[in-house]
Amino acid sequence: MAYARFGRSSDVYVFESPQGGWECSLCSLNEGRTTKTASRSEMMEHLRQHEAKGDKVPAEAIEELQNEIETLGDSTTSS
């Protein structure tokens, strides 16, 4: 499931990795390489770094990660 996809309202493409963790694909903070995090909270912080840089990040992406932390836990090992 993608939390955000590239488009008019998003400069990021973020999804839960099939191998575990979360990925920010073609990440502008990482010279176009994928950034992986082990927890939802780490990805939320990563998305806030994108916002601080001026990238468009859909609020729904951060909200969905927060909701999942509350219902599923912070990492794939805790769900």
N, C-alpha and C. Protein backbone atom coordinates (compact mmCIF):
# COMPACT_ATOMS: atom_id res chain seq x y z
N MET A 1 0.83 -1.18 0.00
CA MET A 1 0.00 0.00 0.00
C MET A 1 0.88 1.25 0.00
N ALA A 2 0.56 2.17 -0.85
CA ALA A 2 1.31 3.43 -0.91
C ALA A 2 0.67 4.45 0.03
N TYR A 3 1.50 5.13 0.76
CA TYR A 3 1.03 6.23 1.62
C TYR A 3 0.98 7.52 0.82
N ALA A 4 1.86 7.65 -0.15
CA ALA A 4 1.90 8.82 -1.02
C ALA A 4 2.51 8.41 -2.34
N ARG A 5 2.01 8.99 -3.42
CA ARG A 5 2.55 8.73 -4.76
C ARG A 5 2.90 10.07 -5.40
N PHE A 6 3.89 10.04 -6.29
CA PHE A 6 4.25 11.25 -7.00
C PHE A 6 3.04 11.81 -7.73
N GLY A 7 2.90 13.13 -7.71
CA GLY A 7 1.79 13.78 -8.41
C GLY A 7 1.79 15.26 -8.10
N ARG A 8 0.73 15.93 -8.49
CA ARG A 8 0.64 17.38 -8.25
C ARG A 8 0.72 17.76 -6.78
N SER A 9 0.19 16.90 -5.92
CA SER A 9 0.18 17.23 -4.49
C SER A 9 1.22 16.45 -3.70
N SER A 10 2.14 15.77 -4.39
CA SER A 10 3.12 14.97 -3.67
C SER A 10 4.45 14.90 -4.42
N ASP A 11 5.52 15.20 -3.69
CA ASP A 11 6.87 15.06 -4.21
C ASP A 11 7.54 13.79 -3.70
N VAL A 12 6.76 12.93 -3.03
CA VAL A 12 7.32 11.70 -2.44
C VAL A 12 6.49 10.50 -2.86
N TYR A 13 7.15 9.35 -2.89
CA TYR A 13 6.49 8.06 -3.11
C TYR A 13 6.91 7.16 -1.97
N VAL A 14 5.96 6.88 -1.06
CA VAL A 14 6.25 6.15 0.17
C VAL A 14 5.32 4.95 0.27
N PHE A 15 5.90 3.81 0.63
CA PHE A 15 5.10 2.59 0.76
C PHE A 15 5.75 1.64 1.76
N GLU A 16 4.95 0.66 2.23
CA GLU A 16 5.47 -0.39 3.09
C GLU A 16 6.16 -1.40 2.19
N SER A 17 7.38 -1.72 2.51
CA SER A 17 8.18 -2.62 1.68
C SER A 17 7.74 -4.06 1.87
N PRO A 18 7.66 -4.83 0.80
CA PRO A 18 7.36 -6.27 0.94
C PRO A 18 8.43 -7.01 1.75
N GLN A 19 9.65 -6.47 1.79
CA GLN A 19 10.73 -7.07 2.56
C GLN A 19 10.76 -6.61 4.01
N GLY A 20 9.82 -5.77 4.39
CA GLY A 20 9.77 -5.23 5.75
C GLY A 20 10.26 -3.80 5.77
N GLY A 21 9.70 -3.02 6.65
CA GLY A 21 10.05 -1.61 6.76
C GLY A 21 9.27 -0.75 5.78
N TRP A 22 9.72 0.49 5.64
CA TRP A 22 9.03 1.47 4.79
C TRP A 22 10.05 2.10 3.87
N GLU A 23 9.61 2.45 2.66
CA GLU A 23 10.52 2.99 1.66
C GLU A 23 10.03 4.32 1.12
N CYS A 24 10.96 5.21 0.90
CA CYS A 24 10.73 6.46 0.18
C CYS A 24 11.52 6.30 -1.11
N SER A 25 10.82 6.04 -2.19
CA SER A 25 11.45 5.70 -3.46
C SER A 25 11.89 6.97 -4.20
N LEU A 26 13.03 6.88 -4.87
CA LEU A 26 13.59 8.02 -5.61
C LEU A 26 13.68 9.26 -4.74
N CYS A 27 14.15 9.08 -3.53
CA CYS A 27 14.14 10.11 -2.49
C CYS A 27 15.06 11.28 -2.81
N SER A 28 14.49 12.46 -2.84
CA SER A 28 15.28 13.67 -3.12
C SER A 28 16.25 14.00 -1.98
N LEU A 29 15.99 13.48 -0.79
CA LEU A 29 16.90 13.70 0.34
C LEU A 29 18.09 12.73 0.30
N ASN A 30 18.00 11.75 -0.59
CA ASN A 30 19.01 10.70 -0.67
C ASN A 30 19.53 10.57 -2.10
N GLU A 31 19.69 11.70 -2.78
CA GLU A 31 20.25 11.76 -4.13
C GLU A 31 19.52 10.83 -5.10
N GLY A 32 18.20 10.71 -4.94
CA GLY A 32 17.41 9.90 -5.85
C GLY A 32 17.41 8.41 -5.56
N ARG A 33 18.08 8.02 -4.50
CA ARG A 33 18.08 6.60 -4.11
C ARG A 33 16.94 6.36 -3.13
N THR A 34 16.62 5.12 -2.91
CA THR A 34 15.57 4.76 -1.97
C THR A 34 16.07 4.92 -0.54
N THR A 35 15.23 5.50 0.30
CA THR A 35 15.49 5.57 1.74
C THR A 35 14.57 4.58 2.42
N LYS A 36 15.15 3.71 3.25
CA LYS A 36 14.36 2.72 4.00
C LYS A 36 14.40 3.05 5.48
N THR A 37 13.27 2.82 6.15
CA THR A 37 13.23 2.94 7.60
C THR A 37 12.67 1.65 8.18
N ALA A 38 13.02 1.38 9.43
CA ALA A 38 12.56 0.17 10.09
C ALA A 38 11.25 0.36 10.83
N SER A 39 10.84 1.62 11.02
CA SER A 39 9.61 1.87 11.78
C SER A 39 8.78 2.96 11.12
N ARG A 40 7.52 2.95 11.48
CA ARG A 40 6.60 3.98 10.97
C ARG A 40 7.01 5.36 11.49
N SER A 41 7.41 5.43 12.75
CA SER A 41 7.78 6.74 13.30
C SER A 41 9.02 7.31 12.60
N GLU A 42 9.96 6.45 12.22
CA GLU A 42 11.13 6.92 11.48
C GLU A 42 10.72 7.46 10.11
N MET A 43 9.74 6.80 9.46
CA MET A 43 9.27 7.31 8.17
C MET A 43 8.53 8.62 8.36
N MET A 44 7.77 8.76 9.43
CA MET A 44 7.09 10.04 9.70
C MET A 44 8.13 11.15 9.84
N GLU A 45 9.20 10.90 10.57
CA GLU A 45 10.26 11.89 10.74
C GLU A 45 10.92 12.19 9.39
N HIS A 46 11.12 11.17 8.59
CA HIS A 46 11.70 11.36 7.26
C HIS A 46 10.79 12.27 6.42
N LEU A 47 9.49 12.04 6.47
CA LEU A 47 8.56 12.88 5.72
C LEU A 47 8.57 14.32 6.23
N ARG A 48 8.75 14.51 7.51
CA ARG A 48 8.86 15.87 8.06
C ARG A 48 10.12 16.56 7.54
N GLN A 49 11.18 15.79 7.32
CA GLN A 49 12.40 16.36 6.73
C GLN A 49 12.13 16.81 5.29
N HIS A 50 11.33 16.03 4.57
CA HIS A 50 10.94 16.46 3.22
C HIS A 50 10.17 17.78 3.29
N GLU A 51 9.23 17.87 4.23
CA GLU A 51 8.45 19.10 4.38
C GLU A 51 9.36 20.28 4.69
N ALA A 52 10.32 20.08 5.59
CA ALA A 52 11.24 21.15 5.96
C ALA A 52 12.07 21.60 4.76
N LYS A 53 12.35 20.70 3.84
CA LYS A 53 13.09 21.02 2.62
C LYS A 53 12.21 21.77 1.62
N GLY A 54 10.89 21.71 1.82
CA GLY A 54 9.97 22.36 0.90
C GLY A 54 9.26 21.41 -0.04
N ASP A 55 9.48 20.11 0.13
CA ASP A 55 8.79 19.13 -0.69
C ASP A 55 7.33 19.02 -0.27
N LYS A 56 6.48 18.71 -1.24
CA LYS A 56 5.06 18.49 -0.94
C LYS A 56 4.89 17.07 -0.42
N VAL A 57 4.31 16.98 0.78
CA VAL A 57 4.01 15.69 1.42
C VAL A 57 2.54 15.71 1.80
N PRO A 58 1.74 14.80 1.29
CA PRO A 58 0.33 14.78 1.66
C PRO A 58 0.16 14.55 3.16
N ALA A 59 -0.65 15.38 3.79
CA ALA A 59 -0.90 15.23 5.23
C ALA A 59 -1.45 13.84 5.54
N GLU A 60 -2.19 13.27 4.60
CA GLU A 60 -2.79 11.95 4.81
C GLU A 60 -1.73 10.87 5.00
N ALA A 61 -0.58 11.04 4.40
CA ALA A 61 0.49 10.05 4.54
C ALA A 61 0.97 9.98 5.99
N ILE A 62 1.21 11.13 6.58
CA ILE A 62 1.65 11.17 7.98
C ILE A 62 0.52 10.72 8.90
N GLU A 63 -0.69 11.13 8.60
CA GLU A 63 -1.84 10.72 9.42
C GLU A 63 -2.03 9.21 9.39
N GLU A 64 -1.89 8.60 8.22
CA GLU A 64 -2.05 7.15 8.10
C GLU A 64 -0.97 6.41 8.88
N LEU A 65 0.26 6.88 8.79
CA LEU A 65 1.34 6.26 9.57
C LEU A 65 1.05 6.38 11.07
N GLN A 66 0.58 7.54 11.51
CA GLN A 66 0.25 7.74 12.93
C GLN A 66 -0.89 6.81 13.36
N ASN A 67 -1.92 6.70 12.53
CA ASN A 67 -3.04 5.80 12.85
C ASN A 67 -2.56 4.35 12.95
N GLU A 68 -1.67 3.96 12.07
CA GLU A 68 -1.15 2.59 12.12
C GLU A 68 -0.30 2.35 13.36
N ILE A 69 0.45 3.35 13.78
CA ILE A 69 1.22 3.20 15.03
C ILE A 69 0.27 2.92 16.18
N GLU A 70 -0.82 3.65 16.22
CA GLU A 70 -1.79 3.49 17.32
C GLU A 70 -2.52 2.15 17.26
N THR A 71 -2.75 1.62 16.08
CA THR A 71 -3.52 0.37 15.98
C THR A 71 -2.66 -0.86 15.78
N LEU A 72 -1.52 -0.74 15.07
CA LEU A 72 -0.71 -1.90 14.71
C LEU A 72 0.65 -1.93 15.40
N GLY A 73 1.09 -0.79 15.89
CA GLY A 73 2.43 -0.70 16.45
C GLY A 73 3.35 0.08 15.51
N ASP A 74 4.58 0.26 15.94
CA ASP A 74 5.49 1.13 15.21
C ASP A 74 6.33 0.42 14.15
N SER A 75 6.43 -0.90 14.21
CA SER A 75 7.26 -1.60 13.23
C SER A 75 6.58 -2.87 12.76
N THR A 76 7.10 -3.46 11.71
CA THR A 76 6.50 -4.68 11.18
C THR A 76 6.62 -5.83 12.19
N THR A 77 7.63 -5.78 13.05
CA THR A 77 7.78 -6.85 14.03
C THR A 77 6.79 -6.72 15.17
N SER A 78 6.21 -5.52 15.34
CA SER A 78 5.25 -5.34 16.44
C SER A 78 3.81 -5.46 15.97
N SER A 79 3.58 -5.71 14.66
CA SER A 79 2.20 -5.83 14.20
C SER A 79 1.75 -7.26 14.15
